């Protein structure tokens, strides 16, 4: 985990503070993640959080759709995934706003690797 100074946040391509833009990358899950991946050109911090948001919430969305086809157990597992998604959503926004380059388990490493290729 890497802390960025919160007293004087860096500005981004879009002219916002990095921590605010990082938080916004999580607001609508994978949708805002993709938007900030496309729009932000300079800030690694924002691009990382956008990539992590995209991978996390697109993956959870796909899993919930698949589980929707499984009676009873699928609904129970879907509910657990929804709770997990809510926790990750709040955690991601808080960590980004506090200027932390916080990596979710598994997904954080994927986001770093994929960000290097994009």
PDB file of N, CA and C in Angstrom:
ATOM      1  N   UNK A   1       0.837  -1.176   0.000  1.00  0.00           N
ATOM      2  CA  UNK A   1       0.000   0.000   0.000  1.00  0.00           C
ATOM      3  C   UNK A   1       0.879   1.235   0.000  1.00  0.00           C
ATOM      4  N   UNK A   2       0.487   2.168  -0.816  1.00  0.00           N
ATOM      5  CA  UNK A   2       1.257   3.383  -0.966  1.00  0.00           C
ATOM      6  C   UNK A   2       0.368   4.564  -0.620  1.00  0.00           C
ATOM      7  N   UNK A   3       0.845   5.437   0.252  1.00  0.00           N
ATOM      8  CA  UNK A   3       0.053   6.598   0.628  1.00  0.00           C
ATOM      9  C   UNK A   3       0.474   7.798  -0.197  1.00  0.00           C
ATOM     10  N   UNK A   4      -0.502   8.517  -0.682  1.00  0.00           N
ATOM     11  CA  UNK A   4      -0.245   9.763  -1.375  1.00  0.00           C
ATOM     12  C   UNK A   4      -0.577  10.895  -0.422  1.00  0.00           C
ATOM     13  N   UNK A   5       0.087  12.017  -0.547  1.00  0.00           N
ATOM     14  CA  UNK A   5      -0.208  13.114   0.368  1.00  0.00           C
ATOM     15  C   UNK A   5      -1.636  13.606   0.172  1.00  0.00           C
ATOM     16  N   UNK A   6      -2.391  13.690   1.269  1.00  0.00           N
ATOM     17  CA  UNK A   6      -3.775  14.126   1.168  1.00  0.00           C
ATOM     18  C   UNK A   6      -3.900  15.629   1.357  1.00  0.00           C
ATOM     19  N   UNK A   7      -2.859  16.289   1.880  1.00  0.00           N
ATOM     20  CA  UNK A   7      -2.938  17.732   2.071  1.00  0.00           C
ATOM     21  C   UNK A   7      -2.928  18.462   0.732  1.00  0.00           C
ATOM     22  N   UNK A   8      -2.170  17.968  -0.223  1.00  0.00           N
ATOM     23  CA  UNK A   8      -2.016  18.650  -1.499  1.00  0.00           C
ATOM     24  C   UNK A   8      -2.124  17.630  -2.637  1.00  0.00           C
ATOM     25  N   UNK A   9      -3.337  17.111  -2.892  1.00  0.00           N
ATOM     26  CA  UNK A   9      -3.476  16.079  -3.920  1.00  0.00           C
ATOM     27  C   UNK A   9      -3.096  16.590  -5.306  1.00  0.00           C
ATOM     28  N   UNK A  10      -2.561  15.699  -6.111  1.00  0.00           N
ATOM     29  CA  UNK A  10      -2.182  16.049  -7.471  1.00  0.00           C
ATOM     30  C   UNK A  10      -3.428  16.215  -8.327  1.00  0.00           C
ATOM     31  N   UNK A  11      -3.302  17.052  -9.329  1.00  0.00           N
ATOM     32  CA  UNK A  11      -4.386  17.225 -10.289  1.00  0.00           C
ATOM     33  C   UNK A  11      -4.245  16.157 -11.375  1.00  0.00           C
ATOM     34  N   UNK A  12      -5.355  15.870 -12.042  1.00  0.00           N
ATOM     35  CA  UNK A  12      -5.380  14.832 -13.068  1.00  0.00           C
ATOM     36  C   UNK A  12      -5.625  15.454 -14.437  1.00  0.00           C
ATOM     37  N   UNK A  13      -5.701  14.615 -15.441  1.00  0.00           N
ATOM     38  CA  UNK A  13      -6.009  15.061 -16.794  1.00  0.00           C
ATOM     39  C   UNK A  13      -7.313  15.841 -16.833  1.00  0.00           C
ATOM     40  N   UNK A  14      -8.282  15.414 -16.043  1.00  0.00           N
ATOM     41  CA  UNK A  14      -9.596  16.050 -16.039  1.00  0.00           C
ATOM     42  C   UNK A  14      -9.657  17.270 -15.117  1.00  0.00           C
ATOM     43  N   UNK A  15      -8.550  17.593 -14.431  1.00  0.00           N
ATOM     44  CA  UNK A  15      -8.486  18.773 -13.586  1.00  0.00           C
ATOM     45  C   UNK A  15      -8.994  18.588 -12.168  1.00  0.00           C
ATOM     46  N   UNK A  16      -9.325  17.361 -11.792  1.00  0.00           N
ATOM     47  CA  UNK A  16      -9.784  17.087 -10.427  1.00  0.00           C
ATOM     48  C   UNK A  16      -8.605  16.606  -9.580  1.00  0.00           C
ATOM     49  N   UNK A  17      -8.803  16.595  -8.269  1.00  0.00           N
ATOM     50  CA  UNK A  17      -7.804  15.997  -7.384  1.00  0.00           C
ATOM     51  C   UNK A  17      -7.808  14.484  -7.606  1.00  0.00           C
ATOM     52  N   UNK A  18      -6.630  13.869  -7.486  1.00  0.00           N
ATOM     53  CA  UNK A  18      -6.517  12.418  -7.700  1.00  0.00           C
ATOM     54  C   UNK A  18      -7.443  11.622  -6.791  1.00  0.00           C
ATOM     55  N   UNK A  19      -7.521  12.010  -5.533  1.00  0.00           N
ATOM     56  CA  UNK A  19      -8.319  11.222  -4.598  1.00  0.00           C
ATOM     57  C   UNK A  19      -9.808  11.299  -4.926  1.00  0.00           C
ATOM     58  N   UNK A  20     -10.272  12.438  -5.401  1.00  0.00           N
ATOM     59  CA  UNK A  20     -11.682  12.578  -5.772  1.00  0.00           C
ATOM     60  C   UNK A  20     -11.975  11.751  -7.025  1.00  0.00           C
ATOM     61  N   UNK A  21     -11.097  11.842  -7.996  1.00  0.00           N
ATOM     62  CA  UNK A  21     -11.295  11.074  -9.222  1.00  0.00           C
ATOM     63  C   UNK A  21     -11.189   9.576  -8.960  1.00  0.00           C
ATOM     64  N   UNK A  22     -10.286   9.176  -8.053  1.00  0.00           N
ATOM     65  CA  UNK A  22     -10.175   7.767  -7.668  1.00  0.00           C
ATOM     66  C   UNK A  22     -11.460   7.271  -7.031  1.00  0.00           C
ATOM     67  N   UNK A  23     -12.054   8.083  -6.158  1.00  0.00           N
ATOM     68  CA  UNK A  23     -13.329   7.731  -5.531  1.00  0.00           C
ATOM     69  C   UNK A  23     -14.414   7.592  -6.595  1.00  0.00           C
ATOM     70  N   UNK A  24     -14.472   8.542  -7.519  1.00  0.00           N
ATOM     71  CA  UNK A  24     -15.506   8.513  -8.555  1.00  0.00           C
ATOM     72  C   UNK A  24     -15.400   7.288  -9.469  1.00  0.00           C
ATOM     73  N   UNK A  25     -14.198   6.714  -9.567  1.00  0.00           N
ATOM     74  CA  UNK A  25     -14.020   5.513 -10.386  1.00  0.00           C
ATOM     75  C   UNK A  25     -14.815   4.332  -9.837  1.00  0.00           C
ATOM     76  N   UNK A  26     -15.207   4.395  -8.563  1.00  0.00           N
ATOM     77  CA  UNK A  26     -15.973   3.311  -7.941  1.00  0.00           C
ATOM     78  C   UNK A  26     -17.476   3.585  -7.880  1.00  0.00           C
ATOM     79  N   UNK A  27     -17.898   4.827  -8.048  1.00  0.00           N
ATOM     80  CA  UNK A  27     -19.278   5.222  -7.773  1.00  0.00           C
ATOM     81  C   UNK A  27     -20.312   4.360  -8.493  1.00  0.00           C
ATOM     82  N   UNK A  28     -20.159   4.142  -9.776  1.00  0.00           N
ATOM     83  CA  UNK A  28     -21.103   3.301 -10.525  1.00  0.00           C
ATOM     84  C   UNK A  28     -20.468   1.976 -10.935  1.00  0.00           C
ATOM     85  N   UNK A  29     -19.524   1.517 -10.119  1.00  0.00           N
ATOM     86  CA  UNK A  29     -18.897   0.218 -10.363  1.00  0.00           C
ATOM     87  C   UNK A  29     -18.109   0.189 -11.650  1.00  0.00           C
ATOM     88  N   UNK A  30     -18.310  -0.868 -12.440  1.00  0.00           N
ATOM     89  CA  UNK A  30     -17.517  -1.052 -13.652  1.00  0.00           C
ATOM     90  C   UNK A  30     -17.775   0.035 -14.690  1.00  0.00           C
ATOM     91  N   UNK A  31     -18.931   0.648 -14.675  1.00  0.00           N
ATOM     92  CA  UNK A  31     -19.237   1.695 -15.654  1.00  0.00           C
ATOM     93  C   UNK A  31     -18.321   2.904 -15.468  1.00  0.00           C
ATOM     94  N   UNK A  32     -18.228   3.439 -14.251  1.00  0.00           N
ATOM     95  CA  UNK A  32     -17.329   4.573 -14.027  1.00  0.00           C
ATOM     96  C   UNK A  32     -15.866   4.137 -14.099  1.00  0.00           C
ATOM     97  N   UNK A  33     -15.597   2.876 -13.785  1.00  0.00           N
ATOM     98  CA  UNK A  33     -14.235   2.367 -13.943  1.00  0.00           C
ATOM     99  C   UNK A  33     -13.782   2.470 -15.388  1.00  0.00           C
ATOM    100  N   UNK A  34     -14.625   2.029 -16.307  1.00  0.00           N
ATOM    101  CA  UNK A  34     -14.291   2.095 -17.742  1.00  0.00           C
ATOM    102  C   UNK A  34     -14.182   3.545 -18.203  1.00  0.00           C
ATOM    103  N   UNK A  35     -15.099   4.392 -17.754  1.00  0.00           N
ATOM    104  CA  UNK A  35     -15.075   5.803 -18.151  1.00  0.00           C
ATOM    105  C   UNK A  35     -13.752   6.455 -17.739  1.00  0.00           C
ATOM    106  N   UNK A  36     -13.324   6.232 -16.494  1.00  0.00           N
ATOM    107  CA  UNK A  36     -12.075   6.851 -16.047  1.00  0.00           C
ATOM    108  C   UNK A  36     -10.842   6.193 -16.667  1.00  0.00           C
ATOM    109  N   UNK A  37     -10.927   4.934 -17.034  1.00  0.00           N
ATOM    110  CA  UNK A  37      -9.813   4.314 -17.763  1.00  0.00           C
ATOM    111  C   UNK A  37      -9.635   4.978 -19.122  1.00  0.00           C
ATOM    112  N   UNK A  38     -10.736   5.323 -19.748  1.00  0.00           N
ATOM    113  CA  UNK A  38     -10.682   5.955 -21.071  1.00  0.00           C
ATOM    114  C   UNK A  38     -10.250   7.422 -20.969  1.00  0.00           C
ATOM    115  N   UNK A  39     -10.803   8.154 -20.010  1.00  0.00           N
ATOM    116  CA  UNK A  39     -10.582   9.598 -19.941  1.00  0.00           C
ATOM    117  C   UNK A  39      -9.275  10.008 -19.269  1.00  0.00           C
ATOM    118  N   UNK A  40      -8.855   9.280 -18.260  1.00  0.00           N
ATOM    119  CA  UNK A  40      -7.652   9.676 -17.511  1.00  0.00           C
ATOM    120  C   UNK A  40      -6.404   9.158 -18.210  1.00  0.00           C
ATOM    121  N   UNK A  41      -5.517  10.077 -18.542  1.00  0.00           N
ATOM    122  CA  UNK A  41      -4.304   9.710 -19.283  1.00  0.00           C
ATOM    123  C   UNK A  41      -3.042   9.760 -18.425  1.00  0.00           C
ATOM    124  N   UNK A  42      -3.021  10.602 -17.382  1.00  0.00           N
ATOM    125  CA  UNK A  42      -1.776  10.862 -16.665  1.00  0.00           C
ATOM    126  C   UNK A  42      -1.627  10.140 -15.325  1.00  0.00           C
ATOM    127  N   UNK A  43      -2.663  10.080 -14.535  1.00  0.00           N
ATOM    128  CA  UNK A  43      -2.555   9.620 -13.156  1.00  0.00           C
ATOM    129  C   UNK A  43      -2.604   8.093 -13.036  1.00  0.00           C
ATOM    130  N   UNK A  44      -1.480   7.509 -12.604  1.00  0.00           N
ATOM    131  CA  UNK A  44      -1.449   6.068 -12.367  1.00  0.00           C
ATOM    132  C   UNK A  44      -2.414   5.704 -11.243  1.00  0.00           C
ATOM    133  N   UNK A  45      -2.475   6.550 -10.221  1.00  0.00           N
ATOM    134  CA  UNK A  45      -3.352   6.324  -9.075  1.00  0.00           C
ATOM    135  C   UNK A  45      -4.804   6.162  -9.522  1.00  0.00           C
ATOM    136  N   UNK A  46      -5.287   7.074 -10.325  1.00  0.00           N
ATOM    137  CA  UNK A  46      -6.677   7.023 -10.798  1.00  0.00           C
ATOM    138  C   UNK A  46      -6.873   5.847 -11.743  1.00  0.00           C
ATOM    139  N   UNK A  47      -5.936   5.629 -12.643  1.00  0.00           N
ATOM    140  CA  UNK A  47      -6.056   4.525 -13.596  1.00  0.00           C
ATOM    141  C   UNK A  47      -6.068   3.175 -12.869  1.00  0.00           C
ATOM    142  N   UNK A  48      -5.260   3.049 -11.802  1.00  0.00           N
ATOM    143  CA  UNK A  48      -5.256   1.814 -11.023  1.00  0.00           C
ATOM    144  C   UNK A  48      -6.625   1.577 -10.394  1.00  0.00           C
ATOM    145  N   UNK A  49      -7.161   2.591  -9.725  1.00  0.00           N
ATOM    146  CA  UNK A  49      -8.465   2.426  -9.081  1.00  0.00           C
ATOM    147  C   UNK A  49      -9.565   2.174 -10.112  1.00  0.00           C
ATOM    148  N   UNK A  50      -9.472   2.806 -11.274  1.00  0.00           N
ATOM    149  CA  UNK A  50     -10.460   2.579 -12.332  1.00  0.00           C
ATOM    150  C   UNK A  50     -10.381   1.140 -12.845  1.00  0.00           C
ATOM    151  N   UNK A  51      -9.174   0.632 -13.030  1.00  0.00           N
ATOM    152  CA  UNK A  51      -8.996  -0.747 -13.496  1.00  0.00           C
ATOM    153  C   UNK A  51      -9.481  -1.736 -12.428  1.00  0.00           C
ATOM    154  N   UNK A  52      -9.146  -1.475 -11.175  1.00  0.00           N
ATOM    155  CA  UNK A  52      -9.577  -2.356 -10.096  1.00  0.00           C
ATOM    156  C   UNK A  52     -11.101  -2.362  -9.976  1.00  0.00           C
ATOM    157  N   UNK A  53     -11.722  -1.206 -10.117  1.00  0.00           N
ATOM    158  CA  UNK A  53     -13.177  -1.101 -10.078  1.00  0.00           C
ATOM    159  C   UNK A  53     -13.807  -1.880 -11.229  1.00  0.00           C
ATOM    160  N   UNK A  54     -13.254  -1.718 -12.412  1.00  0.00           N
ATOM    161  CA  UNK A  54     -13.783  -2.404 -13.592  1.00  0.00           C
ATOM    162  C   UNK A  54     -13.706  -3.922 -13.435  1.00  0.00           C
ATOM    163  N   UNK A  55     -12.538  -4.426 -13.071  1.00  0.00           N
ATOM    164  CA  UNK A  55     -12.357  -5.875 -12.937  1.00  0.00           C
ATOM    165  C   UNK A  55     -13.256  -6.433 -11.829  1.00  0.00           C
ATOM    166  N   UNK A  56     -13.261  -5.771 -10.688  1.00  0.00           N
ATOM    167  CA  UNK A  56     -14.026  -6.254  -9.536  1.00  0.00           C
ATOM    168  C   UNK A  56     -15.520  -6.304  -9.830  1.00  0.00           C
ATOM    169  N   UNK A  57     -16.068  -5.176 -10.252  1.00  0.00           N
ATOM    170  CA  UNK A  57     -17.522  -5.081 -10.356  1.00  0.00           C
ATOM    171  C   UNK A  57     -18.080  -5.688 -11.639  1.00  0.00           C
ATOM    172  N   UNK A  58     -17.283  -5.730 -12.704  1.00  0.00           N
ATOM    173  CA  UNK A  58     -17.729  -6.453 -13.893  1.00  0.00           C
ATOM    174  C   UNK A  58     -17.729  -7.955 -13.613  1.00  0.00           C
ATOM    175  N   UNK A  59     -16.702  -8.412 -12.906  1.00  0.00           N
ATOM    176  CA  UNK A  59     -16.646  -9.826 -12.514  1.00  0.00           C
ATOM    177  C   UNK A  59     -17.811 -10.214 -11.615  1.00  0.00           C
ATOM    178  N   UNK A  60     -18.112  -9.385 -10.623  1.00  0.00           N
ATOM    179  CA  UNK A  60     -19.238  -9.672  -9.733  1.00  0.00           C
ATOM    180  C   UNK A  60     -20.571  -9.643 -10.485  1.00  0.00           C
ATOM    181  N   UNK A  61     -20.717  -8.711 -11.413  1.00  0.00           N
ATOM    182  CA  UNK A  61     -21.950  -8.630 -12.206  1.00  0.00           C
ATOM    183  C   UNK A  61     -22.148  -9.895 -13.033  1.00  0.00           C
ATOM    184  N   UNK A  62     -21.093 -10.347 -13.679  1.00  0.00           N
ATOM    185  CA  UNK A  62     -21.176 -11.562 -14.501  1.00  0.00           C
ATOM    186  C   UNK A  62     -21.505 -12.774 -13.626  1.00  0.00           C
ATOM    187  N   UNK A  63     -20.843 -12.886 -12.477  1.00  0.00           N
ATOM    188  CA  UNK A  63     -21.133 -14.002 -11.569  1.00  0.00           C
ATOM    189  C   UNK A  63     -22.580 -13.980 -11.082  1.00  0.00           C
ATOM    190  N   UNK A  64     -23.098 -12.800 -10.760  1.00  0.00           N
ATOM    191  CA  UNK A  64     -24.483 -12.702 -10.295  1.00  0.00           C
ATOM    192  C   UNK A  64     -25.469 -13.085 -11.395  1.00  0.00           C
ATOM    193  N   UNK A  65     -25.173 -12.732 -12.633  1.00  0.00           N
ATOM    194  CA  UNK A  65     -26.034 -13.130 -13.755  1.00  0.00           C
ATOM    195  C   UNK A  65     -26.041 -14.649 -13.904  1.00  0.00           C
ATOM    196  N   UNK A  66     -24.865 -15.249 -13.856  1.00  0.00           N
ATOM    197  CA  UNK A  66     -24.765 -16.712 -13.972  1.00  0.00           C
ATOM    198  C   UNK A  66     -25.504 -17.388 -12.822  1.00  0.00           C
ATOM    199  N   UNK A  67     -25.310 -16.891 -11.602  1.00  0.00           N
ATOM    200  CA  UNK A  67     -25.976 -17.490 -10.442  1.00  0.00           C
ATOM    201  C   UNK A  67     -27.486 -17.317 -10.499  1.00  0.00           C
ATOM    202  N   UNK A  68     -27.957 -16.324 -11.232  1.00  0.00           N
ATOM    203  CA  UNK A  68     -29.391 -16.103 -11.381  1.00  0.00           C
ATOM    204  C   UNK A  68     -30.108 -17.249 -12.072  1.00  0.00           C
ATOM    205  N   UNK A  69     -29.381 -18.063 -12.807  1.00  0.00           N
ATOM    206  CA  UNK A  69     -29.965 -19.201 -13.510  1.00  0.00           C
ATOM    207  C   UNK A  69     -30.057 -20.457 -12.631  1.00  0.00           C
ATOM    208  N   UNK A  70     -29.462 -20.402 -11.439  1.00  0.00           N
ATOM    209  CA  UNK A  70     -29.465 -21.556 -10.542  1.00  0.00           C
ATOM    210  C   UNK A  70     -30.511 -21.321  -9.452  1.00  0.00           C
ATOM    211  N   UNK A  71     -31.521 -22.177  -9.392  1.00  0.00           N
ATOM    212  CA  UNK A  71     -32.565 -21.970  -8.384  1.00  0.00           C
ATOM    213  C   UNK A  71     -32.033 -22.089  -6.952  1.00  0.00           C
ATOM    214  N   UNK A  72     -32.594 -21.370  -6.057  1.00  0.00           N
ATOM    215  CA  UNK A  72     -32.373 -21.336  -4.611  1.00  0.00           C
ATOM    216  C   UNK A  72     -30.909 -21.069  -4.226  1.00  0.00           C
ATOM    217  N   UNK A  73     -30.012 -22.001  -4.504  1.00  0.00           N
ATOM    218  CA  UNK A  73     -28.608 -21.828  -4.118  1.00  0.00           C
ATOM    219  C   UNK A  73     -28.001 -20.644  -4.856  1.00  0.00           C
ATOM    220  N   UNK A  74     -28.372 -20.477  -6.107  1.00  0.00           N
ATOM    221  CA  UNK A  74     -27.882 -19.333  -6.867  1.00  0.00           C
ATOM    222  C   UNK A  74     -28.317 -18.021  -6.248  1.00  0.00           C
ATOM    223  N   UNK A  75     -29.558 -17.971  -5.773  1.00  0.00           N
ATOM    224  CA  UNK A  75     -30.069 -16.751  -5.136  1.00  0.00           C
ATOM    225  C   UNK A  75     -29.320 -16.480  -3.828  1.00  0.00           C
ATOM    226  N   UNK A  76     -29.041 -17.522  -3.068  1.00  0.00           N
ATOM    227  CA  UNK A  76     -28.305 -17.351  -1.810  1.00  0.00           C
ATOM    228  C   UNK A  76     -26.869 -16.881  -2.064  1.00  0.00           C
ATOM    229  N   UNK A  77     -26.222 -17.520  -3.022  1.00  0.00           N
ATOM    230  CA  UNK A  77     -24.854 -17.117  -3.359  1.00  0.00           C
ATOM    231  C   UNK A  77     -24.830 -15.710  -3.961  1.00  0.00           C
ATOM    232  N   UNK A  78     -25.868 -15.396  -4.755  1.00  0.00           N
ATOM    233  CA  UNK A  78     -25.982 -14.056  -5.326  1.00  0.00           C
ATOM    234  C   UNK A  78     -26.112 -12.995  -4.245  1.00  0.00           C
ATOM    235  N   UNK A  79     -26.863 -13.303  -3.195  1.00  0.00           N
ATOM    236  CA  UNK A  79     -27.020 -12.369  -2.086  1.00  0.00           C
ATOM    237  C   UNK A  79     -25.686 -12.161  -1.364  1.00  0.00           C
ATOM    238  N   UNK A  80     -24.926 -13.230  -1.197  1.00  0.00           N
ATOM    239  CA  UNK A  80     -23.604 -13.114  -0.566  1.00  0.00           C
ATOM    240  C   UNK A  80     -22.660 -12.285  -1.433  1.00  0.00           C
ATOM    241  N   UNK A  81     -22.736 -12.492  -2.743  1.00  0.00           N
ATOM    242  CA  UNK A  81     -21.906 -11.702  -3.654  1.00  0.00           C
ATOM    243  C   UNK A  81     -22.291 -10.230  -3.604  1.00  0.00           C
ATOM    244  N   UNK A  82     -23.593  -9.952  -3.467  1.00  0.00           N
ATOM    245  CA  UNK A  82     -24.053  -8.569  -3.379  1.00  0.00           C
ATOM    246  C   UNK A  82     -23.474  -7.896  -2.141  1.00  0.00           C
ATOM    247  N   UNK A  83     -23.465  -8.622  -1.006  1.00  0.00           N
ATOM    248  CA  UNK A  83     -22.892  -8.086   0.233  1.00  0.00           C
ATOM    249  C   UNK A  83     -21.390  -7.850   0.062  1.00  0.00           C
ATOM    250  N   UNK A  84     -20.703  -8.805  -0.536  1.00  0.00           N
ATOM    251  CA  UNK A  84     -19.273  -8.650  -0.810  1.00  0.00           C
ATOM    252  C   UNK A  84     -19.038  -7.427  -1.698  1.00  0.00           C
ATOM    253  N   UNK A  85     -19.851  -7.275  -2.735  1.00  0.00           N
ATOM    254  CA  UNK A  85     -19.731  -6.130  -3.629  1.00  0.00           C
ATOM    255  C   UNK A  85     -19.930  -4.816  -2.896  1.00  0.00           C
ATOM    256  N   UNK A  86     -20.890  -4.766  -1.996  1.00  0.00           N
ATOM    257  CA  UNK A  86     -21.149  -3.554  -1.224  1.00  0.00           C
ATOM    258  C   UNK A  86     -19.945  -3.197  -0.347  1.00  0.00           C
ATOM    259  N   UNK A  87     -19.372  -4.207   0.290  1.00  0.00           N
ATOM    260  CA  UNK A  87     -18.194  -3.987   1.142  1.00  0.00           C
ATOM    261  C   UNK A  87     -17.019  -3.480   0.308  1.00  0.00           C
ATOM    262  N   UNK A  88     -16.765  -4.125  -0.839  1.00  0.00           N
ATOM    263  CA  UNK A  88     -15.658  -3.703  -1.700  1.00  0.00           C
ATOM    264  C   UNK A  88     -15.893  -2.309  -2.274  1.00  0.00           C
ATOM    265  N   UNK A  89     -17.142  -1.994  -2.585  1.00  0.00           N
ATOM    266  CA  UNK A  89     -17.496  -0.685  -3.133  1.00  0.00           C
ATOM    267  C   UNK A  89     -17.159   0.420  -2.132  1.00  0.00           C
ATOM    268  N   UNK A  90     -17.616   0.254  -0.888  1.00  0.00           N
ATOM    269  CA  UNK A  90     -17.355   1.257   0.152  1.00  0.00           C
ATOM    270  C   UNK A  90     -15.854   1.320   0.460  1.00  0.00           C
ATOM    271  N   UNK A  91     -15.209   0.174   0.590  1.00  0.00           N
ATOM    272  CA  UNK A  91     -13.780   0.122   0.883  1.00  0.00           C
ATOM    273  C   UNK A  91     -12.967   0.809  -0.217  1.00  0.00           C
ATOM    274  N   UNK A  92     -13.289   0.513  -1.471  1.00  0.00           N
ATOM    275  CA  UNK A  92     -12.574   1.127  -2.582  1.00  0.00           C
ATOM    276  C   UNK A  92     -12.710   2.642  -2.583  1.00  0.00           C
ATOM    277  N   UNK A  93     -13.921   3.129  -2.364  1.00  0.00           N
ATOM    278  CA  UNK A  93     -14.130   4.578  -2.346  1.00  0.00           C
ATOM    279  C   UNK A  93     -13.389   5.242  -1.185  1.00  0.00           C
ATOM    280  N   UNK A  94     -13.442   4.629  -0.002  1.00  0.00           N
ATOM    281  CA  UNK A  94     -12.758   5.203   1.160  1.00  0.00           C
ATOM    282  C   UNK A  94     -11.246   5.234   0.967  1.00  0.00           C
ATOM    283  N   UNK A  95     -10.690   4.136   0.506  1.00  0.00           N
ATOM    284  CA  UNK A  95      -9.239   4.058   0.322  1.00  0.00           C
ATOM    285  C   UNK A  95      -8.771   5.035  -0.755  1.00  0.00           C
ATOM    286  N   UNK A  96      -9.512   5.134  -1.854  1.00  0.00           N
ATOM    287  CA  UNK A  96      -9.135   6.066  -2.919  1.00  0.00           C
ATOM    288  C   UNK A  96      -9.220   7.501  -2.413  1.00  0.00           C
ATOM    289  N   UNK A  97     -10.279   7.832  -1.697  1.00  0.00           N
ATOM    290  CA  UNK A  97     -10.442   9.200  -1.206  1.00  0.00           C
ATOM    291  C   UNK A  97      -9.355   9.570  -0.199  1.00  0.00           C
ATOM    292  N   UNK A  98      -8.890   8.576   0.556  1.00  0.00           N
ATOM    293  CA  UNK A  98      -7.812   8.819   1.519  1.00  0.00           C
ATOM    294  C   UNK A  98      -6.433   8.796   0.867  1.00  0.00           C
ATOM    295  N   UNK A  99      -6.381   8.631  -0.446  1.00  0.00           N
ATOM    296  CA  UNK A  99      -5.117   8.677  -1.171  1.00  0.00           C
ATOM    297  C   UNK A  99      -4.304   7.405  -1.105  1.00  0.00           C
ATOM    298  N   UNK A 100      -4.933   6.282  -0.783  1.00  0.00           N
ATOM    299  CA  UNK A 100      -4.219   5.011  -0.677  1.00  0.00           C
ATOM    300  C   UNK A 100      -4.347   4.213  -1.971  1.00  0.00           C
ATOM    301  N   UNK A 101      -3.242   3.654  -2.397  1.00  0.00           N
ATOM    302  CA  UNK A 101      -3.241   2.760  -3.554  1.00  0.00           C
ATOM    303  C   UNK A 101      -3.509   1.351  -3.024  1.00  0.00           C
ATOM    304  N   UNK A 102      -4.715   1.154  -2.535  1.00  0.00           N
ATOM    305  CA  UNK A 102      -5.100  -0.087  -1.861  1.00  0.00           C
ATOM    306  C   UNK A 102      -5.489  -1.141  -2.886  1.00  0.00           C
ATOM    307  N   UNK A 103      -4.910  -2.342  -2.723  1.00  0.00           N
ATOM    308  CA  UNK A 103      -5.219  -3.437  -3.644  1.00  0.00           C
ATOM    309  C   UNK A 103      -6.161  -4.431  -2.983  1.00  0.00           C
ATOM    310  N   UNK A 104      -7.274  -4.727  -3.680  1.00  0.00           N
ATOM    311  CA  UNK A 104      -8.152  -5.807  -3.230  1.00  0.00           C
ATOM    312  C   UNK A 104      -7.397  -7.117  -3.423  1.00  0.00           C
ATOM    313  N   UNK A 105      -7.680  -8.139  -2.592  1.00  0.00           N
ATOM    314  CA  UNK A 105      -7.036  -9.441  -2.805  1.00  0.00           C
ATOM    315  C   UNK A 105      -7.312  -9.951  -4.225  1.00  0.00           C
ATOM    316  N   UNK A 106      -6.316 -10.507  -4.852  1.00  0.00           N
ATOM    317  CA  UNK A 106      -6.349 -11.092  -6.192  1.00  0.00           C
ATOM    318  C   UNK A 106      -6.577 -10.026  -7.268  1.00  0.00           C
ATOM    319  N   UNK A 107      -7.657  -9.292  -7.182  1.00  0.00           N
ATOM    320  CA  UNK A 107      -8.027  -8.312  -8.206  1.00  0.00           C
ATOM    321  C   UNK A 107      -7.011  -7.176  -8.282  1.00  0.00           C
ATOM    322  N   UNK A 108      -6.468  -6.754  -7.154  1.00  0.00           N
ATOM    323  CA  UNK A 108      -5.488  -5.663  -7.145  1.00  0.00           C
ATOM    324  C   UNK A 108      -4.252  -5.996  -7.957  1.00  0.00           C
ATOM    325  N   UNK A 109      -3.757  -7.230  -7.821  1.00  0.00           N
ATOM    326  CA  UNK A 109      -2.597  -7.651  -8.613  1.00  0.00           C
ATOM    327  C   UNK A 109      -2.938  -7.718 -10.094  1.00  0.00           C
ATOM    328  N   UNK A 110      -4.137  -8.224 -10.405  1.00  0.00           N
ATOM    329  CA  UNK A 110      -4.586  -8.256 -11.805  1.00  0.00           C
ATOM    330  C   UNK A 110      -4.669  -6.849 -12.377  1.00  0.00           C
ATOM    331  N   UNK A 111      -5.200  -5.923 -11.606  1.00  0.00           N
ATOM    332  CA  UNK A 111      -5.342  -4.539 -12.066  1.00  0.00           C
ATOM    333  C   UNK A 111      -3.969  -3.950 -12.380  1.00  0.00           C
ATOM    334  N   UNK A 112      -2.985  -4.202 -11.536  1.00  0.00           N
ATOM    335  CA  UNK A 112      -1.625  -3.708 -11.799  1.00  0.00           C
ATOM    336  C   UNK A 112      -1.061  -4.285 -13.083  1.00  0.00           C
ATOM    337  N   UNK A 113      -1.204  -5.605 -13.260  1.00  0.00           N
ATOM    338  CA  UNK A 113      -0.672  -6.269 -14.443  1.00  0.00           C
ATOM    339  C   UNK A 113      -1.362  -5.776 -15.715  1.00  0.00           C
ATOM    340  N   UNK A 114      -2.663  -5.687 -15.692  1.00  0.00           N
ATOM    341  CA  UNK A 114      -3.410  -5.280 -16.877  1.00  0.00           C
ATOM    342  C   UNK A 114      -3.202  -3.814 -17.201  1.00  0.00           C
ATOM    343  N   UNK A 115      -2.978  -3.000 -16.183  1.00  0.00           N
ATOM    344  CA  UNK A 115      -2.756  -1.576 -16.397  1.00  0.00           C
ATOM    345  C   UNK A 115      -1.441  -1.337 -17.141  1.00  0.00           C
ATOM    346  N   UNK A 116      -0.454  -2.173 -16.884  1.00  0.00           N
ATOM    347  CA  UNK A 116       0.813  -2.065 -17.604  1.00  0.00           C
ATOM    348  C   UNK A 116       0.650  -2.362 -19.091  1.00  0.00           C
ATOM    349  N   UNK A 117      -0.321  -3.217 -19.429  1.00  0.00           N
ATOM    350  CA  UNK A 117      -0.533  -3.603 -20.823  1.00  0.00           C
ATOM    351  C   UNK A 117      -1.438  -2.645 -21.584  1.00  0.00           C
ATOM    352  N   UNK A 118      -2.207  -1.828 -20.834  1.00  0.00           N
ATOM    353  CA  UNK A 118      -3.151  -0.919 -21.489  1.00  0.00           C
ATOM    354  C   UNK A 118      -2.485   0.398 -21.785  1.00  0.00           C
TER     355      UNK A 118
END
